PDB file of all heavy atoms in Angstrom:
ATOM      1  N   ARG A   1     -33.635  41.829 -70.030  1.00  0.00           N
ATOM      2  CA  ARG A   1     -34.473  42.159 -68.872  1.00  0.00           C
ATOM      3  C   ARG A   1     -35.846  41.487 -68.891  1.00  0.00           C
ATOM      4  O   ARG A   1     -36.778  41.967 -68.258  1.00  0.00           O
ATOM      5  CB  ARG A   1     -34.639  43.669 -68.736  1.00  0.00           C
ATOM      6  CG  ARG A   1     -33.337  44.353 -68.436  1.00  0.00           C
ATOM      7  CD  ARG A   1     -33.552  45.803 -68.106  1.00  0.00           C
ATOM      8  NE  ARG A   1     -32.251  46.403 -67.836  1.00  0.00           N
ATOM      9  CZ  ARG A   1     -32.090  47.644 -67.466  1.00  0.00           C
ATOM     10  NH1 ARG A   1     -33.121  48.425 -67.323  1.00  0.00           N
ATOM     11  NH2 ARG A   1     -30.895  48.115 -67.248  1.00  0.00           N
ATOM     12  N   MET A   2     -35.969  40.392 -69.614  1.00  0.00           N
ATOM     13  CA  MET A   2     -37.256  39.707 -69.694  1.00  0.00           C
ATOM     14  C   MET A   2     -37.163  38.257 -69.212  1.00  0.00           C
ATOM     15  O   MET A   2     -38.021  37.446 -69.530  1.00  0.00           O
ATOM     16  CB  MET A   2     -37.781  39.730 -71.131  1.00  0.00           C
ATOM     17  CG  MET A   2     -38.077  41.112 -71.661  1.00  0.00           C
ATOM     18  SD  MET A   2     -39.422  41.935 -70.814  1.00  0.00           S
ATOM     19  CE  MET A   2     -40.788  40.927 -71.295  1.00  0.00           C
ATOM     20  N   ALA A   3     -36.128  37.917 -68.459  1.00  0.00           N
ATOM     21  CA  ALA A   3     -35.972  36.548 -67.970  1.00  0.00           C
ATOM     22  C   ALA A   3     -37.049  36.248 -66.931  1.00  0.00           C
ATOM     23  O   ALA A   3     -37.361  37.083 -66.078  1.00  0.00           O
ATOM     24  CB  ALA A   3     -34.596  36.353 -67.357  1.00  0.00           C
ATOM     25  N   PRO A   4     -37.628  35.049 -66.971  1.00  0.00           N
ATOM     26  CA  PRO A   4     -38.627  34.695 -65.964  1.00  0.00           C
ATOM     27  C   PRO A   4     -37.976  34.462 -64.606  1.00  0.00           C
ATOM     28  O   PRO A   4     -36.759  34.283 -64.501  1.00  0.00           O
ATOM     29  CB  PRO A   4     -39.239  33.403 -66.516  1.00  0.00           C
ATOM     30  CG  PRO A   4     -38.245  32.857 -67.458  1.00  0.00           C
ATOM     31  CD  PRO A   4     -37.455  34.014 -67.981  1.00  0.00           C
ATOM     32  N   ASP A   5     -38.792  34.463 -63.571  1.00  0.00           N
ATOM     33  CA  ASP A   5     -38.294  34.199 -62.218  1.00  0.00           C
ATOM     34  C   ASP A   5     -37.692  32.797 -62.165  1.00  0.00           C
ATOM     35  O   ASP A   5     -38.129  31.886 -62.863  1.00  0.00           O
ATOM     36  CB  ASP A   5     -39.426  34.315 -61.201  1.00  0.00           C
ATOM     37  CG  ASP A   5     -39.930  35.736 -61.056  1.00  0.00           C
ATOM     38  OD1 ASP A   5     -39.150  36.662 -61.366  1.00  0.00           O
ATOM     39  OD2 ASP A   5     -41.089  35.918 -60.651  1.00  0.00           O
ATOM     40  N   GLY A   6     -36.702  32.637 -61.312  1.00  0.00           N
ATOM     41  CA  GLY A   6     -36.073  31.339 -61.157  1.00  0.00           C
ATOM     42  C   GLY A   6     -34.778  31.208 -61.940  1.00  0.00           C
ATOM     43  O   GLY A   6     -34.070  30.216 -61.795  1.00  0.00           O
ATOM     44  N   TYR A   7     -34.451  32.188 -62.788  1.00  0.00           N
ATOM     45  CA  TYR A   7     -33.200  32.188 -63.541  1.00  0.00           C
ATOM     46  C   TYR A   7     -32.346  33.362 -63.085  1.00  0.00           C
ATOM     47  O   TYR A   7     -32.860  34.405 -62.687  1.00  0.00           O
ATOM     48  CB  TYR A   7     -33.454  32.341 -65.046  1.00  0.00           C
ATOM     49  CG  TYR A   7     -34.113  31.156 -65.686  1.00  0.00           C
ATOM     50  CD1 TYR A   7     -35.456  31.177 -66.026  1.00  0.00           C
ATOM     51  CD2 TYR A   7     -33.389  30.009 -65.984  1.00  0.00           C
ATOM     52  CE1 TYR A   7     -36.059  30.100 -66.633  1.00  0.00           C
ATOM     53  CE2 TYR A   7     -33.990  28.918 -66.584  1.00  0.00           C
ATOM     54  CZ  TYR A   7     -35.317  28.970 -66.908  1.00  0.00           C
ATOM     55  OH  TYR A   7     -35.912  27.902 -67.502  1.00  0.00           O
ATOM     56  N   ALA A   8     -31.020  33.194 -63.170  1.00  0.00           N
ATOM     57  CA  ALA A   8     -30.112  34.276 -62.790  1.00  0.00           C
ATOM     58  C   ALA A   8     -28.798  34.126 -63.540  1.00  0.00           C
ATOM     59  O   ALA A   8     -28.391  33.017 -63.886  1.00  0.00           O
ATOM     60  CB  ALA A   8     -29.843  34.245 -61.287  1.00  0.00           C
ATOM     61  N   THR A   9     -28.127  35.249 -63.770  1.00  0.00           N
ATOM     62  CA  THR A   9     -26.797  35.235 -64.370  1.00  0.00           C
ATOM     63  C   THR A   9     -25.781  34.866 -63.289  1.00  0.00           C
ATOM     64  O   THR A   9     -26.107  34.823 -62.102  1.00  0.00           O
ATOM     65  CB  THR A   9     -26.430  36.609 -64.950  1.00  0.00           C
ATOM     66  OG1 THR A   9     -26.388  37.558 -63.881  1.00  0.00           O
ATOM     67  CG2 THR A   9     -27.429  37.052 -66.010  1.00  0.00           C
ATOM     68  N   ARG A  10     -24.541  34.632 -63.684  1.00  0.00           N
ATOM     69  CA  ARG A  10     -23.495  34.322 -62.712  1.00  0.00           C
ATOM     70  C   ARG A  10     -23.327  35.458 -61.697  1.00  0.00           C
ATOM     71  O   ARG A  10     -23.152  35.213 -60.504  1.00  0.00           O
ATOM     72  CB  ARG A  10     -22.156  34.101 -63.418  1.00  0.00           C
ATOM     73  CG  ARG A  10     -22.030  32.763 -64.072  1.00  0.00           C
ATOM     74  CD  ARG A  10     -20.630  32.623 -64.684  1.00  0.00           C
ATOM     75  NE  ARG A  10     -20.466  31.341 -65.290  1.00  0.00           N
ATOM     76  CZ  ARG A  10     -19.959  30.274 -64.682  1.00  0.00           C
ATOM     77  NH1 ARG A  10     -19.573  30.366 -63.435  1.00  0.00           N
ATOM     78  NH2 ARG A  10     -19.838  29.136 -65.317  1.00  0.00           N
ATOM     79  N   ARG A  11     -23.379  36.685 -62.167  1.00  0.00           N
ATOM     80  CA  ARG A  11     -23.219  37.819 -61.248  1.00  0.00           C
ATOM     81  C   ARG A  11     -24.373  37.911 -60.257  1.00  0.00           C
ATOM     82  O   ARG A  11     -24.183  38.239 -59.089  1.00  0.00           O
ATOM     83  CB  ARG A  11     -23.111  39.124 -62.030  1.00  0.00           C
ATOM     84  CG  ARG A  11     -21.776  39.302 -62.686  1.00  0.00           C
ATOM     85  CD  ARG A  11     -21.654  40.673 -63.285  1.00  0.00           C
ATOM     86  NE  ARG A  11     -20.360  40.815 -63.925  1.00  0.00           N
ATOM     87  CZ  ARG A  11     -19.840  41.976 -64.251  1.00  0.00           C
ATOM     88  NH1 ARG A  11     -20.498  43.085 -64.003  1.00  0.00           N
ATOM     89  NH2 ARG A  11     -18.669  42.035 -64.832  1.00  0.00           N
ATOM     90  N   GLN A  12     -25.563  37.642 -60.730  1.00  0.00           N
ATOM     91  CA  GLN A  12     -26.711  37.684 -59.826  1.00  0.00           C
ATOM     92  C   GLN A  12     -26.625  36.564 -58.792  1.00  0.00           C
ATOM     93  O   GLN A  12     -26.958  36.762 -57.627  1.00  0.00           O
ATOM     94  CB  GLN A  12     -28.009  37.576 -60.621  1.00  0.00           C
ATOM     95  CG  GLN A  12     -28.301  38.813 -61.432  1.00  0.00           C
ATOM     96  CD  GLN A  12     -29.425  38.608 -62.433  1.00  0.00           C
ATOM     97  OE1 GLN A  12     -29.699  37.477 -62.854  1.00  0.00           O
ATOM     98  NE2 GLN A  12     -30.068  39.693 -62.819  1.00  0.00           N
ATOM     99  N   LEU A  13     -26.171  35.386 -59.223  1.00  0.00           N
ATOM    100  CA  LEU A  13     -25.983  34.294 -58.269  1.00  0.00           C
ATOM    101  C   LEU A  13     -24.925  34.668 -57.241  1.00  0.00           C
ATOM    102  O   LEU A  13     -25.104  34.446 -56.043  1.00  0.00           O
ATOM    103  CB  LEU A  13     -25.575  33.013 -58.989  1.00  0.00           C
ATOM    104  CG  LEU A  13     -26.638  32.312 -59.828  1.00  0.00           C
ATOM    105  CD1 LEU A  13     -26.042  31.122 -60.556  1.00  0.00           C
ATOM    106  CD2 LEU A  13     -27.810  31.879 -58.971  1.00  0.00           C
ATOM    107  N   ARG A  14     -23.826  35.240 -57.705  1.00  0.00           N
ATOM    108  CA  ARG A  14     -22.735  35.608 -56.805  1.00  0.00           C
ATOM    109  C   ARG A  14     -23.188  36.653 -55.793  1.00  0.00           C
ATOM    110  O   ARG A  14     -22.780  36.625 -54.632  1.00  0.00           O
ATOM    111  CB  ARG A  14     -21.547  36.129 -57.613  1.00  0.00           C
ATOM    112  CG  ARG A  14     -20.313  36.383 -56.816  1.00  0.00           C
ATOM    113  CD  ARG A  14     -19.799  35.109 -56.201  1.00  0.00           C
ATOM    114  NE  ARG A  14     -18.617  35.384 -55.398  1.00  0.00           N
ATOM    115  CZ  ARG A  14     -17.686  34.511 -55.148  1.00  0.00           C
ATOM    116  NH1 ARG A  14     -17.771  33.286 -55.605  1.00  0.00           N
ATOM    117  NH2 ARG A  14     -16.645  34.839 -54.420  1.00  0.00           N
ATOM    118  N   ALA A  15     -24.032  37.578 -56.203  1.00  0.00           N
ATOM    119  CA  ALA A  15     -24.549  38.599 -55.284  1.00  0.00           C
ATOM    120  C   ALA A  15     -25.376  37.958 -54.172  1.00  0.00           C
ATOM    121  O   ALA A  15     -25.477  38.513 -53.077  1.00  0.00           O
ATOM    122  CB  ALA A  15     -25.383  39.624 -56.039  1.00  0.00           C
ATOM    123  N   ASP A  16     -25.945  36.790 -54.437  1.00  0.00           N
ATOM    124  CA  ASP A  16     -26.722  36.063 -53.431  1.00  0.00           C
ATOM    125  C   ASP A  16     -25.908  34.964 -52.769  1.00  0.00           C
ATOM    126  O   ASP A  16     -26.469  34.058 -52.151  1.00  0.00           O
ATOM    127  CB  ASP A  16     -27.972  35.456 -54.070  1.00  0.00           C
ATOM    128  CG  ASP A  16     -28.942  36.509 -54.555  1.00  0.00           C
ATOM    129  OD1 ASP A  16     -28.903  37.636 -54.026  1.00  0.00           O
ATOM    130  OD2 ASP A  16     -29.748  36.208 -55.461  1.00  0.00           O
ATOM    131  N   ALA A  17     -24.570  35.018 -52.900  1.00  0.00           N
ATOM    132  CA  ALA A  17     -23.647  34.032 -52.326  1.00  0.00           C
ATOM    133  C   ALA A  17     -23.919  32.628 -52.856  1.00  0.00           C
ATOM    134  O   ALA A  17     -23.850  31.649 -52.125  1.00  0.00           O
ATOM    135  CB  ALA A  17     -23.691  34.073 -50.801  1.00  0.00           C
ATOM    136  N   LEU A  18     -24.215  32.546 -54.167  1.00  0.00           N
ATOM    137  CA  LEU A  18     -24.446  31.263 -54.820  1.00  0.00           C
ATOM    138  C   LEU A  18     -23.510  31.121 -56.010  1.00  0.00           C
ATOM    139  O   LEU A  18     -22.916  32.087 -56.472  1.00  0.00           O
ATOM    140  CB  LEU A  18     -25.895  31.153 -55.294  1.00  0.00           C
ATOM    141  CG  LEU A  18     -26.975  31.187 -54.221  1.00  0.00           C
ATOM    142  CD1 LEU A  18     -28.350  31.292 -54.861  1.00  0.00           C
ATOM    143  CD2 LEU A  18     -26.895  29.970 -53.329  1.00  0.00           C
ATOM    144  N   ARG A  19     -23.384  29.887 -56.521  1.00  0.00           N
ATOM    145  CA  ARG A  19     -22.597  29.591 -57.712  1.00  0.00           C
ATOM    146  C   ARG A  19     -23.374  28.588 -58.544  1.00  0.00           C
ATOM    147  O   ARG A  19     -24.233  27.874 -58.016  1.00  0.00           O
ATOM    148  CB  ARG A  19     -21.228  29.037 -57.341  1.00  0.00           C
ATOM    149  CG  ARG A  19     -21.295  27.742 -56.548  1.00  0.00           C
ATOM    150  CD  ARG A  19     -19.907  27.309 -56.066  1.00  0.00           C
ATOM    151  NE  ARG A  19     -20.022  26.218 -55.131  1.00  0.00           N
ATOM    152  CZ  ARG A  19     -19.915  24.932 -55.452  1.00  0.00           C
ATOM    153  NH1 ARG A  19     -19.687  24.580 -56.691  1.00  0.00           N
ATOM    154  NH2 ARG A  19     -20.035  23.995 -54.528  1.00  0.00           N
ATOM    155  N   PRO A  20     -23.112  28.496 -59.855  1.00  0.00           N
ATOM    156  CA  PRO A  20     -23.859  27.544 -60.670  1.00  0.00           C
ATOM    157  C   PRO A  20     -23.695  26.095 -60.209  1.00  0.00           C
ATOM    158  O   PRO A  20     -24.616  25.297 -60.323  1.00  0.00           O
ATOM    159  CB  PRO A  20     -23.290  27.738 -62.073  1.00  0.00           C
ATOM    160  CG  PRO A  20     -22.761  29.129 -62.073  1.00  0.00           C
ATOM    161  CD  PRO A  20     -22.276  29.373 -60.676  1.00  0.00           C
ATOM    162  N   GLY A  21     -22.535  25.739 -59.697  1.00  0.00           N
ATOM    163  CA  GLY A  21     -22.352  24.402 -59.139  1.00  0.00           C
ATOM    164  C   GLY A  21     -22.344  23.294 -60.172  1.00  0.00           C
ATOM    165  O   GLY A  21     -22.819  22.199 -59.899  1.00  0.00           O
ATOM    166  N   GLY A  22     -21.838  23.554 -61.369  1.00  0.00           N
ATOM    167  CA  GLY A  22     -21.713  22.520 -62.377  1.00  0.00           C
ATOM    168  C   GLY A  22     -22.936  22.307 -63.247  1.00  0.00           C
ATOM    169  O   GLY A  22     -22.909  21.473 -64.153  1.00  0.00           O
ATOM    170  N   GLN A  23     -23.996  23.017 -62.991  1.00  0.00           N
ATOM    171  CA  GLN A  23     -25.197  22.842 -63.813  1.00  0.00           C
ATOM    172  C   GLN A  23     -24.991  23.447 -65.201  1.00  0.00           C
ATOM    173  O   GLN A  23     -24.244  24.404 -65.369  1.00  0.00           O
ATOM    174  CB  GLN A  23     -26.412  23.471 -63.133  1.00  0.00           C
ATOM    175  CG  GLN A  23     -26.352  24.985 -63.026  1.00  0.00           C
ATOM    176  CD  GLN A  23     -27.628  25.596 -62.526  1.00  0.00           C
ATOM    177  OE1 GLN A  23     -28.652  25.467 -63.171  1.00  0.00           O
ATOM    178  NE2 GLN A  23     -27.555  26.248 -61.362  1.00  0.00           N
ATOM    179  N   PRO A  24     -25.643  22.901 -66.220  1.00  0.00           N
ATOM    180  CA  PRO A  24     -25.507  23.484 -67.555  1.00  0.00           C
ATOM    181  C   PRO A  24     -26.287  24.788 -67.665  1.00  0.00           C
ATOM    182  O   PRO A  24     -27.141  25.096 -66.830  1.00  0.00           O
ATOM    183  CB  PRO A  24     -26.109  22.408 -68.462  1.00  0.00           C
ATOM    184  CG  PRO A  24     -27.073  21.683 -67.590  1.00  0.00           C
ATOM    185  CD  PRO A  24     -26.484  21.709 -66.205  1.00  0.00           C
ATOM    186  N   VAL A  25     -26.003  25.549 -68.718  1.00  0.00           N
ATOM    187  CA  VAL A  25     -26.743  26.781 -68.979  1.00  0.00           C
ATOM    188  C   VAL A  25     -28.202  26.410 -69.227  1.00  0.00           C
ATOM    189  O   VAL A  25     -28.501  25.525 -70.033  1.00  0.00           O
ATOM    190  CB  VAL A  25     -26.149  27.519 -70.196  1.00  0.00           C
ATOM    191  CG1 VAL A  25     -27.007  28.698 -70.578  1.00  0.00           C
ATOM    192  CG2 VAL A  25     -24.726  27.965 -69.905  1.00  0.00           C
ATOM    193  N   ALA A  26     -29.111  27.067 -68.527  1.00  0.00           N
ATOM    194  CA  ALA A  26     -30.534  26.739 -68.628  1.00  0.00           C
ATOM    195  C   ALA A  26     -31.263  27.596 -69.655  1.00  0.00           C
ATOM    196  O   ALA A  26     -32.244  27.159 -70.246  1.00  0.00           O
ATOM    197  CB  ALA A  26     -31.199  26.885 -67.259  1.00  0.00           C
ATOM    198  N   ALA A  27     -30.798  28.823 -69.855  1.00  0.00           N
ATOM    199  CA  ALA A  27     -31.447  29.754 -70.791  1.00  0.00           C
ATOM    200  C   ALA A  27     -30.448  30.855 -71.118  1.00  0.00           C
ATOM    201  O   ALA A  27     -29.331  30.871 -70.587  1.00  0.00           O
ATOM    202  CB  ALA A  27     -32.716  30.333 -70.188  1.00  0.00           C
ATOM    203  N   GLN A  28     -30.853  31.774 -71.970  1.00  0.00           N
ATOM    204  CA  GLN A  28     -29.983  32.890 -72.321  1.00  0.00           C
ATOM    205  C   GLN A  28     -30.802  34.136 -72.602  1.00  0.00           C
ATOM    206  O   GLN A  28     -31.978  34.048 -72.940  1.00  0.00           O
ATOM    207  CB  GLN A  28     -29.117  32.550 -73.533  1.00  0.00           C
ATOM    208  CG  GLN A  28     -29.879  32.347 -74.821  1.00  0.00           C
ATOM    209  CD  GLN A  28     -28.988  31.946 -75.977  1.00  0.00           C
ATOM    210  OE1 GLN A  28     -27.759  31.935 -75.857  1.00  0.00           O
ATOM    211  NE2 GLN A  28     -29.580  31.607 -77.099  1.00  0.00           N
ATOM    212  N   LEU A  29     -30.149  35.275 -72.419  1.00  0.00           N
ATOM    213  CA  LEU A  29     -30.707  36.569 -72.815  1.00  0.00           C
ATOM    214  C   LEU A  29     -29.944  37.032 -74.041  1.00  0.00           C
ATOM    215  O   LEU A  29     -28.722  36.919 -74.094  1.00  0.00           O
ATOM    216  CB  LEU A  29     -30.530  37.604 -71.708  1.00  0.00           C
ATOM    217  CG  LEU A  29     -31.218  37.360 -70.383  1.00  0.00           C
ATOM    218  CD1 LEU A  29     -30.820  38.449 -69.396  1.00  0.00           C
ATOM    219  CD2 LEU A  29     -32.707  37.334 -70.550  1.00  0.00           C
ATOM    220  N   LEU A  30     -30.634  37.559 -75.024  1.00  0.00           N
ATOM    221  CA  LEU A  30     -29.993  38.131 -76.204  1.00  0.00           C
ATOM    222  C   LEU A  30     -30.488  39.554 -76.400  1.00  0.00           C
ATOM    223  O   LEU A  30     -31.660  39.841 -76.178  1.00  0.00           O
ATOM    224  CB  LEU A  30     -30.331  37.312 -77.460  1.00  0.00           C
ATOM    225  CG  LEU A  30     -29.707  35.929 -77.583  1.00  0.00           C
ATOM    226  CD1 LEU A  30     -30.207  35.255 -78.848  1.00  0.00           C
ATOM    227  CD2 LEU A  30     -28.200  35.999 -77.598  1.00  0.00           C
ATOM    228  N   TRP A  31     -29.571  40.443 -76.813  1.00  0.00           N
ATOM    229  CA  TRP A  31     -29.945  41.816 -77.121  1.00  0.00           C
ATOM    230  C   TRP A  31     -28.858  42.445 -77.981  1.00  0.00           C
ATOM    231  O   TRP A  31     -27.744  41.959 -78.045  1.00  0.00           O
ATOM    232  CB  TRP A  31     -30.179  42.626 -75.845  1.00  0.00           C
ATOM    233  CG  TRP A  31     -28.950  42.980 -75.072  1.00  0.00           C
ATOM    234  CD1 TRP A  31     -28.273  44.165 -75.111  1.00  0.00           C
ATOM    235  CD2 TRP A  31     -28.244  42.155 -74.133  1.00  0.00           C
ATOM    236  NE1 TRP A  31     -27.195  44.129 -74.260  1.00  0.00           N
ATOM    237  CE2 TRP A  31     -27.160  42.905 -73.646  1.00  0.00           C
ATOM    238  CE3 TRP A  31     -28.417  40.868 -73.649  1.00  0.00           C
ATOM    239  CZ2 TRP A  31     -26.255  42.408 -72.720  1.00  0.00           C
ATOM    240  CZ3 TRP A  31     -27.518  40.368 -72.735  1.00  0.00           C
ATOM    241  CH2 TRP A  31     -26.466  41.133 -72.278  1.00  0.00           C
ATOM    242  N   PHE A  32     -29.224  43.502 -78.674  1.00  0.00           N
ATOM    243  CA  PHE A  32     -28.255  44.273 -79.453  1.00  0.00           C
ATOM    244  C   PHE A  32     -27.766  45.435 -78.598  1.00  0.00           C
ATOM    245  O   PHE A  32     -28.546  46.102 -77.920  1.00  0.00           O
ATOM    246  CB  PHE A  32     -28.875  44.814 -80.737  1.00  0.00           C
ATOM    247  CG  PHE A  32     -28.995  43.776 -81.813  1.00  0.00           C
ATOM    248  CD1 PHE A  32     -30.227  43.324 -82.223  1.00  0.00           C
ATOM    249  CD2 PHE A  32     -27.860  43.249 -82.407  1.00  0.00           C
ATOM    250  CE1 PHE A  32     -30.345  42.373 -83.207  1.00  0.00           C
ATOM    251  CE2 PHE A  32     -27.957  42.292 -83.395  1.00  0.00           C
ATOM    252  CZ  PHE A  32     -29.202  41.848 -83.799  1.00  0.00           C
ATOM    253  N   SER A  33     -26.471  45.681 -78.653  1.00  0.00           N
ATOM    254  CA  SER A  33     -25.875  46.730 -77.845  1.00  0.00           C
ATOM    255  C   SER A  33     -25.076  47.680 -78.729  1.00  0.00           C
ATOM    256  O   SER A  33     -24.399  47.248 -79.660  1.00  0.00           O
ATOM    257  CB  SER A  33     -24.953  46.115 -76.794  1.00  0.00           C
ATOM    258  OG  SER A  33     -24.250  47.125 -76.115  1.00  0.00           O
ATOM    259  N   ASN A  34     -25.154  48.962 -78.413  1.00  0.00           N
ATOM    260  CA  ASN A  34     -24.369  49.971 -79.116  1.00  0.00           C
ATOM    261  C   ASN A  34     -23.096  50.325 -78.358  1.00  0.00           C
ATOM    262  O   ASN A  34     -22.331  51.169 -78.806  1.00  0.00           O
ATOM    263  CB  ASN A  34     -25.199  51.236 -79.332  1.00  0.00           C
ATOM    264  CG  ASN A  34     -26.299  51.011 -80.330  1.00  0.00           C
ATOM    265  OD1 ASN A  34     -26.133  50.275 -81.288  1.00  0.00           O
ATOM    266  ND2 ASN A  34     -27.444  51.627 -80.108  1.00  0.00           N
ATOM    267  N   ARG A  35     -22.879  49.690 -77.208  1.00  0.00           N
ATOM    268  CA  ARG A  35     -21.703  49.993 -76.411  1.00  0.00           C
ATOM    269  C   ARG A  35     -20.462  49.339 -76.999  1.00  0.00           C
ATOM    270  O   ARG A  35     -20.516  48.258 -77.547  1.00  0.00           O
ATOM    271  CB  ARG A  35     -21.897  49.494 -74.986  1.00  0.00           C
ATOM    272  CG  ARG A  35     -23.023  50.228 -74.275  1.00  0.00           C
ATOM    273  CD  ARG A  35     -23.176  49.780 -72.881  1.00  0.00           C
ATOM    274  NE  ARG A  35     -21.991  50.220 -72.149  1.00  0.00           N
ATOM    275  CZ  ARG A  35     -21.711  49.814 -70.932  1.00  0.00           C
ATOM    276  NH1 ARG A  35     -22.499  48.978 -70.313  1.00  0.00           N
ATOM    277  NH2 ARG A  35     -20.634  50.227 -70.318  1.00  0.00           N
ATOM    278  N   ARG A  36     -19.337  50.006 -76.848  1.00  0.00           N
ATOM    279  CA  ARG A  36     -18.027  49.500 -77.250  1.00  0.00           C
ATOM    280  C   ARG A  36     -17.964  49.111 -78.721  1.00  0.00           C
ATOM    281  O   ARG A  36     -17.481  48.049 -79.070  1.00  0.00           O
ATOM    282  CB  ARG A  36     -17.614  48.327 -76.376  1.00  0.00           C
ATOM    283  CG  ARG A  36     -17.500  48.700 -74.932  1.00  0.00           C
ATOM    284  CD  ARG A  36     -17.041  47.537 -74.130  1.00  0.00           C
ATOM    285  NE  ARG A  36     -17.076  47.889 -72.722  1.00  0.00           N
ATOM    286  CZ  ARG A  36     -16.128  47.602 -71.863  1.00  0.00           C
ATOM    287  NH1 ARG A  36     -15.090  46.953 -72.239  1.00  0.00           N
ATOM    288  NH2 ARG A  36     -16.240  47.961 -70.618  1.00  0.00           N
ATOM    289  N   ARG A  37     -18.486  49.954 -79.548  1.00  0.00           N
ATOM    290  CA  ARG A  37     -18.395  49.696 -80.977  1.00  0.00           C
ATOM    291  C   ARG A  37     -17.937  50.978 -81.656  1.00  0.00           C
ATOM    292  O   ARG A  37     -18.229  52.086 -81.193  1.00  0.00           O
ATOM    293  CB  ARG A  37     -19.724  49.225 -81.551  1.00  0.00           C
ATOM    294  CG  ARG A  37     -20.788  50.294 -81.578  1.00  0.00           C
ATOM    295  CD  ARG A  37     -22.074  49.762 -82.181  1.00  0.00           C
ATOM    296  NE  ARG A  37     -23.071  50.801 -82.183  1.00  0.00           N
ATOM    297  CZ  ARG A  37     -23.384  51.537 -83.236  1.00  0.00           C
ATOM    298  NH1 ARG A  37     -22.795  51.326 -84.388  1.00  0.00           N
ATOM    299  NH2 ARG A  37     -24.295  52.475 -83.153  1.00  0.00           N
ATOM    300  N   PRO A  38     -17.236  50.858 -82.757  1.00  0.00           N
ATOM    301  CA  PRO A  38     -16.800  52.061 -83.475  1.00  0.00           C
ATOM    302  C   PRO A  38     -17.995  52.819 -84.049  1.00  0.00           C
ATOM    303  O   PRO A  38     -19.040  52.224 -84.333  1.00  0.00           O
ATOM    304  CB  PRO A  38     -15.921  51.520 -84.599  1.00  0.00           C
ATOM    305  CG  PRO A  38     -15.708  50.088 -84.320  1.00  0.00           C
ATOM    306  CD  PRO A  38     -16.734  49.646 -83.338  1.00  0.00           C
ATOM    307  N   THR A  39     -17.834  54.085 -84.239  1.00  0.00           N
ATOM    308  CA  THR A  39     -18.900  54.908 -84.813  1.00  0.00           C
ATOM    309  C   THR A  39     -19.243  54.413 -86.210  1.00  0.00           C
ATOM    310  O   THR A  39     -18.356  54.161 -87.023  1.00  0.00           O
ATOM    311  CB  THR A  39     -18.463  56.376 -84.880  1.00  0.00           C
ATOM    312  OG1 THR A  39     -18.060  56.793 -83.575  1.00  0.00           O
ATOM    313  CG2 THR A  39     -19.586  57.259 -85.368  1.00  0.00           C
ATOM    314  N   GLY A  40     -20.525  54.247 -86.470  1.00  0.00           N
ATOM    315  CA  GLY A  40     -20.982  53.800 -87.776  1.00  0.00           C
ATOM    316  C   GLY A  40     -21.065  52.292 -87.920  1.00  0.00           C
ATOM    317  O   GLY A  40     -21.618  51.794 -88.886  1.00  0.00           O
ATOM    318  N   ALA A  41     -20.515  51.547 -86.978  1.00  0.00           N
ATOM    319  CA  ALA A  41     -20.571  50.084 -87.046  1.00  0.00           C
ATOM    320  C   ALA A  41     -21.952  49.620 -86.581  1.00  0.00           C
ATOM    321  O   ALA A  41     -22.612  50.297 -85.790  1.00  0.00           O
ATOM    322  CB  ALA A  41     -19.493  49.469 -86.168  1.00  0.00           C
ATOM    323  N   PRO A  42     -22.395  48.469 -87.052  1.00  0.00           N
ATOM    324  CA  PRO A  42     -23.706  47.972 -86.615  1.00  0.00           C
ATOM    325  C   PRO A  42     -23.677  47.561 -85.150  1.00  0.00           C
ATOM    326  O   PRO A  42     -22.612  47.272 -84.602  1.00  0.00           O
ATOM    327  CB  PRO A  42     -23.942  46.764 -87.528  1.00  0.00           C
ATOM    328  CG  PRO A  42     -22.594  46.330 -87.950  1.00  0.00           C
ATOM    329  CD  PRO A  42     -21.762  47.577 -88.007  1.00  0.00           C
ATOM    330  N   PRO A  43     -24.836  47.530 -84.499  1.00  0.00           N
ATOM    331  CA  PRO A  43     -24.878  47.094 -83.100  1.00  0.00           C
ATOM    332  C   PRO A  43     -24.354  45.667 -82.942  1.00  0.00           C
ATOM    333  O   PRO A  43     -24.422  44.851 -83.858  1.00  0.00           O
ATOM    334  CB  PRO A  43     -26.367  47.161 -82.750  1.00  0.00           C
ATOM    335  CG  PRO A  43     -26.959  48.069 -83.756  1.00  0.00           C
ATOM    336  CD  PRO A  43     -26.141  47.932 -84.992  1.00  0.00           C
ATOM    337  N   VAL A  44     -23.832  45.389 -81.761  1.00  0.00           N
ATOM    338  CA  VAL A  44     -23.228  44.099 -81.467  1.00  0.00           C
ATOM    339  C   VAL A  44     -24.257  43.219 -80.754  1.00  0.00           C
ATOM    340  O   VAL A  44     -24.954  43.681 -79.853  1.00  0.00           O
ATOM    341  CB  VAL A  44     -21.987  44.285 -80.569  1.00  0.00           C
ATOM    342  CG1 VAL A  44     -21.370  42.954 -80.198  1.00  0.00           C
ATOM    343  CG2 VAL A  44     -20.976  45.174 -81.256  1.00  0.00           C
ATOM    344  N   LEU A  45     -24.348  41.963 -81.154  1.00  0.00           N
ATOM    345  CA  LEU A  45     -25.240  41.023 -80.486  1.00  0.00           C
ATOM    346  C   LEU A  45     -24.588  40.570 -79.192  1.00  0.00           C
ATOM    347  O   LEU A  45     -23.466  40.077 -79.187  1.00  0.00           O
ATOM    348  CB  LEU A  45     -25.519  39.811 -81.386  1.00  0.00           C
ATOM    349  CG  LEU A  45     -26.455  38.759 -80.783  1.00  0.00           C
ATOM    350  CD1 LEU A  45     -27.844  39.346 -80.552  1.00  0.00           C
ATOM    351  CD2 LEU A  45     -26.532  37.547 -81.686  1.00  0.00           C
ATOM    352  N   ARG A  46     -25.278  40.768 -78.086  1.00  0.00           N
ATOM    353  CA  ARG A  46     -24.748  40.393 -76.768  1.00  0.00           C
ATOM    354  C   ARG A  46     -25.556  39.237 -76.218  1.00  0.00           C
ATOM    355  O   ARG A  46     -26.726  39.061 -76.556  1.00  0.00           O
ATOM    356  CB  ARG A  46     -24.852  41.582 -75.802  1.00  0.00           C
ATOM    357  CG  ARG A  46     -24.192  42.862 -76.258  1.00  0.00           C
ATOM    358  CD  ARG A  46     -22.673  42.801 -76.237  1.00  0.00           C
ATOM    359  NE  ARG A  46     -22.139  42.434 -74.961  1.00  0.00           N
ATOM    360  CZ  ARG A  46     -21.777  43.280 -74.007  1.00  0.00           C
ATOM    361  NH1 ARG A  46     -21.913  44.566 -74.189  1.00  0.00           N
ATOM    362  NH2 ARG A  46     -21.279  42.848 -72.870  1.00  0.00           N
ATOM    363  N   VAL A  47     -24.934  38.459 -75.338  1.00  0.00           N
ATOM    364  CA  VAL A  47     -25.595  37.306 -74.739  1.00  0.00           C
ATOM    365  C   VAL A  47     -25.244  37.240 -73.255  1.00  0.00           C
ATOM    366  O   VAL A  47     -24.141  37.599 -72.852  1.00  0.00           O
ATOM    367  CB  VAL A  47     -25.190  35.996 -75.461  1.00  0.00           C
ATOM    368  CG1 VAL A  47     -23.707  35.728 -75.323  1.00  0.00           C
ATOM    369  CG2 VAL A  47     -25.982  34.823 -74.956  1.00  0.00           C
TER     370      VAL A  47
END
């Protein structure tokens, strides 16, 4: 949730009726998530 203005994920582009159109990945978001992991397992790195 800290991406600067001017960047969007595929879903955000699709919500605005846009597509990446062949451009390369410009940036990424990284975070640790506790969702969909077994109890006691370490958090999963999401991108």
